[in-house]
PDB file of N, CA and C in Angstrom:
ATOM      1  N   MET A   1      42.054 -19.508   1.822  1.00  0.00           N
ATOM      2  CA  MET A   1      43.314 -19.796   2.469  1.00  0.00           C
ATOM      3  C   MET A   1      43.558 -21.271   2.443  1.00  0.00           C
ATOM      4  N   GLY A   2      44.817 -21.663   2.465  1.00  0.00           N
ATOM      5  CA  GLY A   2      45.170 -23.058   2.557  1.00  0.00           C
ATOM      6  C   GLY A   2      44.917 -23.620   3.962  1.00  0.00           C
ATOM      7  N   ARG A   3      44.859 -24.902   4.064  1.00  0.00           N
ATOM      8  CA  ARG A   3      44.608 -25.545   5.318  1.00  0.00           C
ATOM      9  C   ARG A   3      45.620 -25.192   6.382  1.00  0.00           C
ATOM     10  N   LYS A   4      46.955 -25.206   6.015  1.00  0.00           N
ATOM     11  CA  LYS A   4      47.967 -24.912   6.978  1.00  0.00           C
ATOM     12  C   LYS A   4      47.870 -23.470   7.469  1.00  0.00           C
ATOM     13  N   THR A   5      47.531 -22.553   6.574  1.00  0.00           N
ATOM     14  CA  THR A   5      47.334 -21.136   6.992  1.00  0.00           C
ATOM     15  C   THR A   5      46.185 -21.067   7.966  1.00  0.00           C
ATOM     16  N   HIS A   6      45.092 -21.730   7.679  1.00  0.00           N
ATOM     17  CA  HIS A   6      43.913 -21.752   8.555  1.00  0.00           C
ATOM     18  C   HIS A   6      44.299 -22.292   9.934  1.00  0.00           C
ATOM     19  N   GLU A   7      45.031 -23.381   9.934  1.00  0.00           N
ATOM     20  CA  GLU A   7      45.434 -24.006  11.219  1.00  0.00           C
ATOM     21  C   GLU A   7      46.409 -23.089  12.003  1.00  0.00           C
ATOM     22  N   SER A   8      47.273 -22.396  11.270  1.00  0.00           N
ATOM     23  CA  SER A   8      48.197 -21.490  12.008  1.00  0.00           C
ATOM     24  C   SER A   8      47.496 -20.274  12.598  1.00  0.00           C
ATOM     25  N   ILE A   9      46.396 -19.819  11.982  1.00  0.00           N
ATOM     26  CA  ILE A   9      45.609 -18.705  12.546  1.00  0.00           C
ATOM     27  C   ILE A   9      44.845 -19.202  13.759  1.00  0.00           C
ATOM     28  N   GLY A  10      44.379 -20.448  13.701  1.00  0.00           N
ATOM     29  CA  GLY A  10      43.724 -21.101  14.817  1.00  0.00           C
ATOM     30  C   GLY A  10      42.215 -20.791  15.010  1.00  0.00           C
ATOM     31  N   LYS A  11      41.654 -20.019  14.129  1.00  0.00           N
ATOM     32  CA  LYS A  11      40.237 -19.681  14.220  1.00  0.00           C
ATOM     33  C   LYS A  11      39.810 -19.106  12.892  1.00  0.00           C
ATOM     34  N   VAL A  12      38.500 -18.985  12.719  1.00  0.00           N
ATOM     35  CA  VAL A  12      37.987 -18.362  11.497  1.00  0.00           C
ATOM     36  C   VAL A  12      38.152 -16.826  11.643  1.00  0.00           C
ATOM     37  N   LEU A  13      38.287 -16.150  10.524  1.00  0.00           N
ATOM     38  CA  LEU A  13      38.391 -14.688  10.528  1.00  0.00           C
ATOM     39  C   LEU A  13      36.975 -14.152  10.555  1.00  0.00           C
ATOM     40  N   GLN A  14      36.677 -13.240  11.456  1.00  0.00           N
ATOM     41  CA  GLN A  14      35.336 -12.765  11.679  1.00  0.00           C
ATOM     42  C   GLN A  14      34.853 -11.812  10.558  1.00  0.00           C
ATOM     43  N   ASP A  15      33.541 -11.777  10.365  1.00  0.00           N
ATOM     44  CA  ASP A  15      32.880 -10.799   9.449  1.00  0.00           C
ATOM     45  C   ASP A  15      33.267 -10.986   7.983  1.00  0.00           C
ATOM     46  N   ARG A  16      33.494 -12.198   7.608  1.00  0.00           N
ATOM     47  CA  ARG A  16      33.813 -12.518   6.202  1.00  0.00           C
ATOM     48  C   ARG A  16      33.606 -14.021   5.963  1.00  0.00           C
ATOM     49  N   VAL A  17      33.451 -14.377   4.710  1.00  0.00           N
ATOM     50  CA  VAL A  17      33.375 -15.802   4.354  1.00  0.00           C
ATOM     51  C   VAL A  17      34.788 -16.350   4.364  1.00  0.00           C
ATOM     52  N   ASN A  18      35.007 -17.443   5.105  1.00  0.00           N
ATOM     53  CA  ASN A  18      36.279 -18.135   5.174  1.00  0.00           C
ATOM     54  C   ASN A  18      36.158 -19.367   4.313  1.00  0.00           C
ATOM     55  N   ILE A  19      37.048 -19.533   3.357  1.00  0.00           N
ATOM     56  CA  ILE A  19      37.115 -20.701   2.527  1.00  0.00           C
ATOM     57  C   ILE A  19      38.504 -21.330   2.702  1.00  0.00           C
ATOM     58  N   VAL A  20      38.499 -22.564   3.149  1.00  0.00           N
ATOM     59  CA  VAL A  20      39.744 -23.296   3.428  1.00  0.00           C
ATOM     60  C   VAL A  20      39.938 -24.315   2.313  1.00  0.00           C
ATOM     61  N   ILE A  21      41.105 -24.208   1.654  1.00  0.00           N
ATOM     62  CA  ILE A  21      41.444 -25.099   0.579  1.00  0.00           C
ATOM     63  C   ILE A  21      42.322 -26.214   1.078  1.00  0.00           C
ATOM     64  N   SER A  22      41.945 -27.482   0.793  1.00  0.00           N
ATOM     65  CA  SER A  22      42.733 -28.619   1.228  1.00  0.00           C
ATOM     66  C   SER A  22      42.584 -29.708   0.192  1.00  0.00           C
ATOM     67  N   ARG A  23      43.673 -30.483  -0.004  1.00  0.00           N
ATOM     68  CA  ARG A  23      43.627 -31.610  -0.932  1.00  0.00           C
ATOM     69  C   ARG A  23      42.741 -32.747  -0.389  1.00  0.00           C
ATOM     70  N   LYS A  24      42.514 -32.757   0.914  1.00  0.00           N
ATOM     71  CA  LYS A  24      41.665 -33.762   1.532  1.00  0.00           C
ATOM     72  C   LYS A  24      40.288 -33.205   1.729  1.00  0.00           C
ATOM     73  N   SER A  25      39.266 -34.018   1.480  1.00  0.00           N
ATOM     74  CA  SER A  25      37.893 -33.572   1.669  1.00  0.00           C
ATOM     75  C   SER A  25      37.621 -33.423   3.148  1.00  0.00           C
ATOM     76  N   ASP A  26      36.875 -32.365   3.483  1.00  0.00           N
ATOM     77  CA  ASP A  26      36.501 -32.112   4.860  1.00  0.00           C
ATOM     78  C   ASP A  26      35.062 -32.488   5.042  1.00  0.00           C
ATOM     79  N   ASN A  27      34.788 -33.646   5.611  1.00  0.00           N
ATOM     80  CA  ASN A  27      33.444 -34.143   5.825  1.00  0.00           C
ATOM     81  C   ASN A  27      32.891 -33.799   7.184  1.00  0.00           C
ATOM     82  N   SER A  28      33.585 -32.939   7.941  1.00  0.00           N
ATOM     83  CA  SER A  28      33.133 -32.630   9.282  1.00  0.00           C
ATOM     84  C   SER A  28      31.873 -31.778   9.212  1.00  0.00           C
ATOM     85  N   GLU A  29      31.252 -31.650  10.329  1.00  0.00           N
ATOM     86  CA  GLU A  29      30.036 -30.820  10.449  1.00  0.00           C
ATOM     87  C   GLU A  29      30.371 -29.376  10.777  1.00  0.00           C
ATOM     88  N   ASN A  30      31.650 -28.997  10.631  1.00  0.00           N
ATOM     89  CA  ASN A  30      32.106 -27.649  10.937  1.00  0.00           C
ATOM     90  C   ASN A  30      31.436 -26.678   9.962  1.00  0.00           C
ATOM     91  N   LYS A  31      30.582 -25.796  10.461  1.00  0.00           N
ATOM     92  CA  LYS A  31      29.922 -24.830   9.618  1.00  0.00           C
ATOM     93  C   LYS A  31      30.556 -23.437   9.801  1.00  0.00           C
ATOM     94  N   LEU A  32      31.738 -23.350  10.400  1.00  0.00           N
ATOM     95  CA  LEU A  32      32.377 -22.083  10.617  1.00  0.00           C
ATOM     96  C   LEU A  32      33.107 -21.581   9.364  1.00  0.00           C
ATOM     97  N   TYR A  33      33.395 -22.492   8.477  1.00  0.00           N
ATOM     98  CA  TYR A  33      34.063 -22.082   7.255  1.00  0.00           C
ATOM     99  C   TYR A  33      33.647 -23.051   6.107  1.00  0.00           C
ATOM    100  N   GLU A  34      33.781 -22.602   4.888  1.00  0.00           N
ATOM    101  CA  GLU A  34      33.522 -23.426   3.707  1.00  0.00           C
ATOM    102  C   GLU A  34      34.807 -24.167   3.348  1.00  0.00           C
ATOM    103  N   SER A  35      34.635 -25.399   2.794  1.00  0.00           N
ATOM    104  CA  SER A  35      35.789 -26.207   2.377  1.00  0.00           C
ATOM    105  C   SER A  35      35.815 -26.301   0.867  1.00  0.00           C
ATOM    106  N   ALA A  36      37.042 -26.277   0.310  1.00  0.00           N
ATOM    107  CA  ALA A  36      37.181 -26.458  -1.133  1.00  0.00           C
ATOM    108  C   ALA A  36      38.370 -27.355  -1.399  1.00  0.00           C
ATOM    109  N   LEU A  37      38.308 -28.112  -2.466  1.00  0.00           N
ATOM    110  CA  LEU A  37      39.387 -29.041  -2.808  1.00  0.00           C
ATOM    111  C   LEU A  37      40.448 -28.365  -3.695  1.00  0.00           C
ATOM    112  N   SER A  38      40.097 -27.211  -4.226  1.00  0.00           N
ATOM    113  CA  SER A  38      41.070 -26.515  -5.143  1.00  0.00           C
ATOM    114  C   SER A  38      40.817 -25.001  -5.109  1.00  0.00           C
ATOM    115  N   LEU A  39      41.721 -24.247  -5.658  1.00  0.00           N
ATOM    116  CA  LEU A  39      41.516 -22.823  -5.787  1.00  0.00           C
ATOM    117  C   LEU A  39      40.312 -22.533  -6.669  1.00  0.00           C
ATOM    118  N   ALA A  40      40.201 -23.288  -7.758  1.00  0.00           N
ATOM    119  CA  ALA A  40      39.060 -23.099  -8.674  1.00  0.00           C
ATOM    120  C   ALA A  40      37.746 -23.304  -7.928  1.00  0.00           C
ATOM    121  N   ASP A  41      37.650 -24.329  -7.115  1.00  0.00           N
ATOM    122  CA  ASP A  41      36.432 -24.593  -6.310  1.00  0.00           C
ATOM    123  C   ASP A  41      36.206 -23.434  -5.332  1.00  0.00           C
ATOM    124  N   ALA A  42      37.262 -22.937  -4.713  1.00  0.00           N
ATOM    125  CA  ALA A  42      37.126 -21.869  -3.737  1.00  0.00           C
ATOM    126  C   ALA A  42      36.546 -20.619  -4.434  1.00  0.00           C
ATOM    127  N   LEU A  43      36.935 -20.344  -5.658  1.00  0.00           N
ATOM    128  CA  LEU A  43      36.436 -19.212  -6.434  1.00  0.00           C
ATOM    129  C   LEU A  43      34.931 -19.376  -6.708  1.00  0.00           C
ATOM    130  N   LYS A  44      34.511 -20.583  -6.985  1.00  0.00           N
ATOM    131  CA  LYS A  44      33.075 -20.845  -7.199  1.00  0.00           C
ATOM    132  C   LYS A  44      32.310 -20.590  -5.919  1.00  0.00           C
ATOM    133  N   ILE A  45      32.841 -20.990  -4.830  1.00  0.00           N
ATOM    134  CA  ILE A  45      32.181 -20.760  -3.492  1.00  0.00           C
ATOM    135  C   ILE A  45      32.109 -19.277  -3.260  1.00  0.00           C
ATOM    136  N   ALA A  46      33.225 -18.531  -3.511  1.00  0.00           N
ATOM    137  CA  ALA A  46      33.236 -17.067  -3.298  1.00  0.00           C
ATOM    138  C   ALA A  46      32.132 -16.410  -4.157  1.00  0.00           C
ATOM    139  N   LYS A  47      31.993 -16.884  -5.368  1.00  0.00           N
ATOM    140  CA  LYS A  47      30.984 -16.284  -6.271  1.00  0.00           C
ATOM    141  C   LYS A  47      29.604 -16.596  -5.724  1.00  0.00           C
ATOM    142  N   PHE A  48      29.382 -17.793  -5.225  1.00  0.00           N
ATOM    143  CA  PHE A  48      28.104 -18.148  -4.647  1.00  0.00           C
ATOM    144  C   PHE A  48      27.738 -17.250  -3.467  1.00  0.00           C
ATOM    145  N   TRP A  49      28.747 -16.899  -2.665  1.00  0.00           N
ATOM    146  CA  TRP A  49      28.506 -16.028  -1.500  1.00  0.00           C
ATOM    147  C   TRP A  49      28.503 -14.569  -1.909  1.00  0.00           C
ATOM    148  N   SER A  50      28.507 -14.268  -3.193  1.00  0.00           N
ATOM    149  CA  SER A  50      28.443 -12.904  -3.731  1.00  0.00           C
ATOM    150  C   SER A  50      29.576 -12.032  -3.187  1.00  0.00           C
ATOM    151  N   CYS A  51      30.797 -12.554  -3.254  1.00  0.00           N
ATOM    152  CA  CYS A  51      31.961 -11.766  -2.912  1.00  0.00           C
ATOM    153  C   CYS A  51      32.270 -10.831  -4.089  1.00  0.00           C
ATOM    154  N   ASP A  52      31.439  -9.797  -4.270  1.00  0.00           N
ATOM    155  CA  ASP A  52      31.565  -8.891  -5.407  1.00  0.00           C
ATOM    156  C   ASP A  52      32.676  -7.900  -5.246  1.00  0.00           C
ATOM    157  N   GLY A  53      33.061  -7.585  -4.038  1.00  0.00           N
ATOM    158  CA  GLY A  53      34.166  -6.660  -3.785  1.00  0.00           C
ATOM    159  C   GLY A  53      35.510  -7.401  -3.930  1.00  0.00           C
ATOM    160  N   GLU A  54      36.415  -7.038  -3.146  1.00  0.00           N
ATOM    161  CA  GLU A  54      37.685  -7.724  -3.187  1.00  0.00           C
ATOM    162  C   GLU A  54      37.624  -9.041  -2.435  1.00  0.00           C
ATOM    163  N   CYS A  55      38.153 -10.061  -3.061  1.00  0.00           N
ATOM    164  CA  CYS A  55      38.348 -11.354  -2.384  1.00  0.00           C
ATOM    165  C   CYS A  55      39.811 -11.461  -2.120  1.00  0.00           C
ATOM    166  N   PHE A  56      40.184 -11.928  -0.903  1.00  0.00           N
ATOM    167  CA  PHE A  56      41.547 -11.950  -0.507  1.00  0.00           C
ATOM    168  C   PHE A  56      42.086 -13.392  -0.469  1.00  0.00           C
ATOM    169  N   ILE A  57      43.218 -13.599  -1.041  1.00  0.00           N
ATOM    170  CA  ILE A  57      43.914 -14.910  -0.996  1.00  0.00           C
ATOM    171  C   ILE A  57      45.024 -14.673   0.055  1.00  0.00           C
ATOM    172  N   ILE A  58      44.955 -15.426   1.151  1.00  0.00           N
ATOM    173  CA  ILE A  58      45.848 -15.096   2.243  1.00  0.00           C
ATOM    174  C   ILE A  58      46.843 -16.257   2.523  1.00  0.00           C
ATOM    175  N   GLY A  59      47.075 -17.055   1.557  1.00  0.00           N
ATOM    176  CA  GLY A  59      48.125 -18.109   1.707  1.00  0.00           C
ATOM    177  C   GLY A  59      47.524 -19.498   1.791  1.00  0.00           C
ATOM    178  N   GLY A  60      48.435 -20.377   1.779  1.00  0.00           N
ATOM    179  CA  GLY A  60      49.866 -20.373   1.846  1.00  0.00           C
ATOM    180  C   GLY A  60      50.553 -20.229   0.537  1.00  0.00           C
ATOM    181  N   ALA A  61      51.846 -20.645   0.526  1.00  0.00           N
ATOM    182  CA  ALA A  61      52.715 -20.460  -0.568  1.00  0.00           C
ATOM    183  C   ALA A  61      52.195 -21.086  -1.878  1.00  0.00           C
ATOM    184  N   GLU A  62      51.664 -22.301  -1.799  1.00  0.00           N
ATOM    185  CA  GLU A  62      51.158 -22.969  -2.998  1.00  0.00           C
ATOM    186  C   GLU A  62      49.927 -22.260  -3.530  1.00  0.00           C
ATOM    187  N   ILE A  63      49.058 -21.772  -2.666  1.00  0.00           N
ATOM    188  CA  ILE A  63      47.870 -21.072  -3.093  1.00  0.00           C
ATOM    189  C   ILE A  63      48.273 -19.786  -3.816  1.00  0.00           C
ATOM    190  N   TYR A  64      49.239 -19.041  -3.274  1.00  0.00           N
ATOM    191  CA  TYR A  64      49.739 -17.840  -3.919  1.00  0.00           C
ATOM    192  C   TYR A  64      50.283 -18.164  -5.334  1.00  0.00           C
ATOM    193  N   LYS A  65      51.087 -19.201  -5.441  1.00  0.00           N
ATOM    194  CA  LYS A  65      51.647 -19.594  -6.745  1.00  0.00           C
ATOM    195  C   LYS A  65      50.538 -19.886  -7.747  1.00  0.00           C
ATOM    196  N   GLN A  66      49.559 -20.640  -7.333  1.00  0.00           N
ATOM    197  CA  GLN A  66      48.469 -20.992  -8.227  1.00  0.00           C
ATOM    198  C   GLN A  66      47.699 -19.740  -8.675  1.00  0.00           C
ATOM    199  N   ALA A  67      47.389 -18.831  -7.753  1.00  0.00           N
ATOM    200  CA  ALA A  67      46.648 -17.639  -8.077  1.00  0.00           C
ATOM    201  C   ALA A  67      47.402 -16.752  -9.070  1.00  0.00           C
ATOM    202  N   LEU A  68      48.712 -16.610  -8.853  1.00  0.00           N
ATOM    203  CA  LEU A  68      49.531 -15.794  -9.770  1.00  0.00           C
ATOM    204  C   LEU A  68      49.609 -16.485 -11.136  1.00  0.00           C
ATOM    205  N   ARG A  69      49.787 -17.792 -11.154  1.00  0.00           N
ATOM    206  CA  ARG A  69      49.932 -18.553 -12.407  1.00  0.00           C
ATOM    207  C   ARG A  69      48.627 -18.497 -13.193  1.00  0.00           C
ATOM    208  N   MET A  70      47.472 -18.475 -12.543  1.00  0.00           N
ATOM    209  CA  MET A  70      46.152 -18.435 -13.153  1.00  0.00           C
ATOM    210  C   MET A  70      45.770 -17.025 -13.535  1.00  0.00           C
ATOM    211  N   LYS A  71      46.617 -16.039 -13.239  1.00  0.00           N
ATOM    212  CA  LYS A  71      46.343 -14.619 -13.577  1.00  0.00           C
ATOM    213  C   LYS A  71      45.075 -14.120 -12.873  1.00  0.00           C
ATOM    214  N   LEU A  72      44.861 -14.559 -11.621  1.00  0.00           N
ATOM    215  CA  LEU A  72      43.685 -14.160 -10.853  1.00  0.00           C
ATOM    216  C   LEU A  72      43.925 -12.912 -10.046  1.00  0.00           C
ATOM    217  N   VAL A  73      45.174 -12.541  -9.906  1.00  0.00           N
ATOM    218  CA  VAL A  73      45.540 -11.474  -8.975  1.00  0.00           C
ATOM    219  C   VAL A  73      45.647 -10.157  -9.703  1.00  0.00           C
ATOM    220  N   HIS A  74      44.852  -9.159  -9.259  1.00  0.00           N
ATOM    221  CA  HIS A  74      44.867  -7.858  -9.834  1.00  0.00           C
ATOM    222  C   HIS A  74      45.488  -6.793  -8.958  1.00  0.00           C
ATOM    223  N   ARG A  75      45.474  -7.068  -7.647  1.00  0.00           N
ATOM    224  CA  ARG A  75      46.076  -6.151  -6.693  1.00  0.00           C
ATOM    225  C   ARG A  75      46.690  -7.017  -5.595  1.00  0.00           C
ATOM    226  N   LEU A  76      47.888  -6.615  -5.162  1.00  0.00           N
ATOM    227  CA  LEU A  76      48.577  -7.292  -4.081  1.00  0.00           C
ATOM    228  C   LEU A  76      48.897  -6.331  -2.967  1.00  0.00           C
ATOM    229  N   TYR A  77      48.593  -6.745  -1.731  1.00  0.00           N
ATOM    230  CA  TYR A  77      49.017  -5.990  -0.570  1.00  0.00           C
ATOM    231  C   TYR A  77      50.188  -6.807   0.043  1.00  0.00           C
ATOM    232  N   ILE A  78      51.346  -6.244  -0.032  1.00  0.00           N
ATOM    233  CA  ILE A  78      52.548  -6.950   0.330  1.00  0.00           C
ATOM    234  C   ILE A  78      53.250  -6.293   1.546  1.00  0.00           C
ATOM    235  N   THR A  79      53.596  -7.092   2.542  1.00  0.00           N
ATOM    236  CA  THR A  79      54.441  -6.612   3.616  1.00  0.00           C
ATOM    237  C   THR A  79      55.819  -7.251   3.372  1.00  0.00           C
ATOM    238  N   GLU A  80      56.834  -6.420   3.227  1.00  0.00           N
ATOM    239  CA  GLU A  80      58.199  -6.909   3.127  1.00  0.00           C
ATOM    240  C   GLU A  80      58.946  -6.649   4.408  1.00  0.00           C
ATOM    241  N   ILE A  81      59.527  -7.682   4.976  1.00  0.00           N
ATOM    242  CA  ILE A  81      60.293  -7.555   6.202  1.00  0.00           C
ATOM    243  C   ILE A  81      61.760  -7.678   5.839  1.00  0.00           C
ATOM    244  N   TYR A  82      62.570  -6.687   6.169  1.00  0.00           N
ATOM    245  CA  TYR A  82      63.927  -6.649   5.711  1.00  0.00           C
ATOM    246  C   TYR A  82      64.827  -7.328   6.745  1.00  0.00           C
ATOM    247  N   ARG A  83      64.658  -8.620   6.825  1.00  0.00           N
ATOM    248  CA  ARG A  83      65.418  -9.478   7.724  1.00  0.00           C
ATOM    249  C   ARG A  83      65.314 -10.905   7.203  1.00  0.00           C
ATOM    250  N   ASP A  84      66.362 -11.679   7.400  1.00  0.00           N
ATOM    251  CA  ASP A  84      66.318 -13.071   6.983  1.00  0.00           C
ATOM    252  C   ASP A  84      65.718 -13.939   8.031  1.00  0.00           C
ATOM    253  N   PHE A  85      64.943 -14.916   7.612  1.00  0.00           N
ATOM    254  CA  PHE A  85      64.288 -15.873   8.510  1.00  0.00           C
ATOM    255  C   PHE A  85      64.486 -17.295   7.959  1.00  0.00           C
ATOM    256  N   ASP A  86      64.563 -18.247   8.871  1.00  0.00           N
ATOM    257  CA  ASP A  86      64.591 -19.637   8.435  1.00  0.00           C
ATOM    258  C   ASP A  86      63.138 -20.006   8.082  1.00  0.00           C
ATOM    259  N   GLY A  87      63.016 -20.813   7.028  1.00  0.00           N
ATOM    260  CA  GLY A  87      61.650 -21.233   6.646  1.00  0.00           C
ATOM    261  C   GLY A  87      61.720 -22.196   5.482  1.00  0.00           C
ATOM    262  N   ASP A  88      60.592 -22.777   5.157  1.00  0.00           N
ATOM    263  CA  ASP A  88      60.541 -23.729   4.034  1.00  0.00           C
ATOM    264  C   ASP A  88      59.597 -23.294   2.947  1.00  0.00           C
ATOM    265  N   ALA A  89      58.991 -22.092   3.096  1.00  0.00           N
ATOM    266  CA  ALA A  89      58.119 -21.572   2.058  1.00  0.00           C
ATOM    267  C   ALA A  89      58.394 -20.083   1.905  1.00  0.00           C
ATOM    268  N   PHE A  90      58.410 -19.644   0.650  1.00  0.00           N
ATOM    269  CA  PHE A  90      58.750 -18.263   0.362  1.00  0.00           C
ATOM    270  C   PHE A  90      57.885 -17.695  -0.706  1.00  0.00           C
ATOM    271  N   PHE A  91      57.592 -16.387  -0.678  1.00  0.00           N
ATOM    272  CA  PHE A  91      56.813 -15.726  -1.649  1.00  0.00           C
ATOM    273  C   PHE A  91      57.748 -15.082  -2.669  1.00  0.00           C
ATOM    274  N   ASP A  92      57.426 -15.224  -3.979  1.00  0.00           N
ATOM    275  CA  ASP A  92      58.299 -14.730  -5.043  1.00  0.00           C
ATOM    276  C   ASP A  92      58.072 -13.228  -5.273  1.00  0.00           C
ATOM    277  N   ILE A  93      58.647 -12.427  -4.439  1.00  0.00           N
ATOM    278  CA  ILE A  93      58.488 -10.974  -4.545  1.00  0.00           C
ATOM    279  C   ILE A  93      59.112 -10.439  -5.868  1.00  0.00           C
ATOM    280  N   ASP A  94      60.150 -11.083  -6.358  1.00  0.00           N
ATOM    281  CA  ASP A  94      60.775 -10.661  -7.626  1.00  0.00           C
ATOM    282  C   ASP A  94      59.785 -10.789  -8.781  1.00  0.00           C
ATOM    283  N   TYR A  95      58.953 -11.834  -8.770  1.00  0.00           N
ATOM    284  CA  TYR A  95      57.955 -12.010  -9.788  1.00  0.00           C
ATOM    285  C   TYR A  95      56.949 -10.852  -9.735  1.00  0.00           C
ATOM    286  N   VAL A  96      56.526 -10.481  -8.540  1.00  0.00           N
ATOM    287  CA  VAL A  96      55.602  -9.407  -8.364  1.00  0.00           C
ATOM    288  C   VAL A  96      56.193  -8.103  -8.870  1.00  0.00           C
ATOM    289  N   LYS A  97      57.406  -7.797  -8.466  1.00  0.00           N
ATOM    290  CA  LYS A  97      58.043  -6.541  -8.856  1.00  0.00           C
ATOM    291  C   LYS A  97      58.278  -6.410 -10.361  1.00  0.00           C
ATOM    292  N   SER A  98      58.433  -7.556 -11.043  1.00  0.00           N
ATOM    293  CA  SER A  98      58.629  -7.497 -12.483  1.00  0.00           C
ATOM    294  C   SER A  98      57.324  -7.590 -13.277  1.00  0.00           C
ATOM    295  N   ASN A  99      56.187  -7.925 -12.669  1.00  0.00           N
ATOM    296  CA  ASN A  99      54.943  -8.069 -13.349  1.00  0.00           C
ATOM    297  C   ASN A  99      53.827  -7.142 -12.903  1.00  0.00           C
ATOM    298  N   TYR A 100      54.043  -6.373 -11.859  1.00  0.00           N
ATOM    299  CA  TYR A 100      53.037  -5.450 -11.334  1.00  0.00           C
ATOM    300  C   TYR A 100      53.716  -4.096 -11.034  1.00  0.00           C
ATOM    301  N   ASP A 101      52.880  -3.068 -11.050  1.00  0.00           N
ATOM    302  CA  ASP A 101      53.386  -1.740 -10.742  1.00  0.00           C
ATOM    303  C   ASP A 101      53.180  -1.426  -9.291  1.00  0.00           C
ATOM    304  N   LEU A 102      54.166  -0.843  -8.635  1.00  0.00           N
ATOM    305  CA  LEU A 102      54.005  -0.392  -7.248  1.00  0.00           C
ATOM    306  C   LEU A 102      53.224   0.875  -7.217  1.00  0.00           C
ATOM    307  N   MET A 103      52.045   0.855  -6.563  1.00  0.00           N
ATOM    308  CA  MET A 103      51.131   2.006  -6.508  1.00  0.00           C
ATOM    309  C   MET A 103      51.323   2.804  -5.261  1.00  0.00           C
ATOM    310  N   HIS A 104      51.691   2.163  -4.173  1.00  0.00           N
ATOM    311  CA  HIS A 104      51.809   2.873  -2.903  1.00  0.00           C
ATOM    312  C   HIS A 104      52.822   2.094  -2.053  1.00  0.00           C
ATOM    313  N   THR A 105      53.583   2.804  -1.251  1.00  0.00           N
ATOM    314  CA  THR A 105      54.486   2.126  -0.298  1.00  0.00           C
ATOM    315  C   THR A 105      54.653   3.025   0.925  1.00  0.00           C
ATOM    316  N   GLU A 106      54.829   2.402   2.061  1.00  0.00           N
ATOM    317  CA  GLU A 106      55.173   3.122   3.292  1.00  0.00           C
ATOM    318  C   GLU A 106      56.096   2.259   4.087  1.00  0.00           C
ATOM    319  N   SER A 107      57.149   2.888   4.606  1.00  0.00           N
ATOM    320  CA  SER A 107      58.203   2.159   5.362  1.00  0.00           C
ATOM    321  C   SER A 107      58.025   2.411   6.862  1.00  0.00           C
ATOM    322  N   HIS A 108      58.406   1.429   7.644  1.00  0.00           N
ATOM    323  CA  HIS A 108      58.278   1.474   9.087  1.00  0.00           C
ATOM    324  C   HIS A 108      59.475   0.741   9.758  1.00  0.00           C
ATOM    325  N   THR A 109      59.629   0.949  11.012  1.00  0.00           N
ATOM    326  CA  THR A 109      60.573   0.214  11.832  1.00  0.00           C
ATOM    327  C   THR A 109      59.785  -0.296  13.039  1.00  0.00           C
ATOM    328  N   SER A 110      59.936  -1.581  13.359  1.00  0.00           N
ATOM    329  CA  SER A 110      59.237  -2.120  14.510  1.00  0.00           C
ATOM    330  C   SER A 110      59.863  -1.677  15.809  1.00  0.00           C
ATOM    331  N   LYS A 111      59.187  -1.948  16.886  1.00  0.00           N
ATOM    332  CA  LYS A 111      59.712  -1.587  18.192  1.00  0.00           C
ATOM    333  C   LYS A 111      61.032  -2.317  18.510  1.00  0.00           C
ATOM    334  N   THR A 112      61.262  -3.441  17.831  1.00  0.00           N
ATOM    335  CA  THR A 112      62.465  -4.211  18.031  1.00  0.00           C
ATOM    336  C   THR A 112      63.536  -3.851  17.006  1.00  0.00           C
ATOM    337  N   GLY A 113      63.294  -2.850  16.197  1.00  0.00           N
ATOM    338  CA  GLY A 113      64.318  -2.353  15.254  1.00  0.00           C
ATOM    339  C   GLY A 113      64.321  -3.022  13.907  1.00  0.00           C
ATOM    340  N   VAL A 114      63.287  -3.790  13.589  1.00  0.00           N
ATOM    341  CA  VAL A 114      63.257  -4.503  12.308  1.00  0.00           C
ATOM    342  C   VAL A 114      62.560  -3.562  11.273  1.00  0.00           C
ATOM    343  N   ASN A 115      63.212  -3.314  10.158  1.00  0.00           N
ATOM    344  CA  ASN A 115      62.655  -2.475   9.109  1.00  0.00           C
ATOM    345  C   ASN A 115      61.678  -3.311   8.236  1.00  0.00           C
ATOM    346  N   TYR A 116      60.570  -2.701   7.902  1.00  0.00           N
ATOM    347  CA  TYR A 116      59.605  -3.370   7.001  1.00  0.00           C
ATOM    348  C   TYR A 116      58.816  -2.295   6.248  1.00  0.00           C
ATOM    349  N   SER A 117      58.137  -2.726   5.164  1.00  0.00           N
ATOM    350  CA  SER A 117      57.325  -1.823   4.414  1.00  0.00           C
ATOM    351  C   SER A 117      56.066  -2.492   3.930  1.00  0.00           C
ATOM    352  N   PHE A 118      55.043  -1.673   3.759  1.00  0.00           N
ATOM    353  CA  PHE A 118      53.785  -2.137   3.163  1.00  0.00           C
ATOM    354  C   PHE A 118      53.755  -1.591   1.741  1.00  0.00           C
ATOM    355  N   GLY A 119      53.364  -2.434   0.791  1.00  0.00           N
ATOM    356  CA  GLY A 119      53.290  -1.977  -0.577  1.00  0.00           C
ATOM    357  C   GLY A 119      52.017  -2.484  -1.227  1.00  0.00           C
ATOM    358  N   VAL A 120      51.466  -1.664  -2.150  1.00  0.00           N
ATOM    359  CA  VAL A 120      50.293  -2.073  -2.949  1.00  0.00           C
ATOM    360  C   VAL A 120      50.750  -2.132  -4.386  1.00  0.00           C
ATOM    361  N   TYR A 121      50.580  -3.286  -5.002  1.00  0.00           N
ATOM    362  CA  TYR A 121      50.934  -3.459  -6.405  1.00  0.00           C
ATOM    363  C   TYR A 121      49.672  -3.741  -7.245  1.00  0.00           C
ATOM    364  N   GLU A 122      49.692  -3.207  -8.486  1.00  0.00           N
ATOM    365  CA  GLU A 122      48.578  -3.490  -9.392  1.00  0.00           C
ATOM    366  C   GLU A 122      49.149  -3.839 -10.739  1.00  0.00           C
TER     367      GLU A 122
END
């Protein structure tokens, strides 16, 4: 995950190796997560930790772009929220829909009336 994603979560995710990617070197003594300067470095760390199953890339926007551009993504778990939001970073769902096959989808409505769906693309 990118540094901003890590900071927005506010903690490490339990029961998994957390790798935080940042352009700035992390020289702290924080042993709660691994630090990487690039996506390529993060993948080396994941391999070291024997992440033989699925490894998840959980953001942010630039990390997603890099992973798609490097053809590292074989399966995507996408939540689409059918509502407009203000923001400065967006995921290119049109790219996914034109380059991957939708394998599964399920639609829902939140308690506040917002429609959304979960999709798996391969």
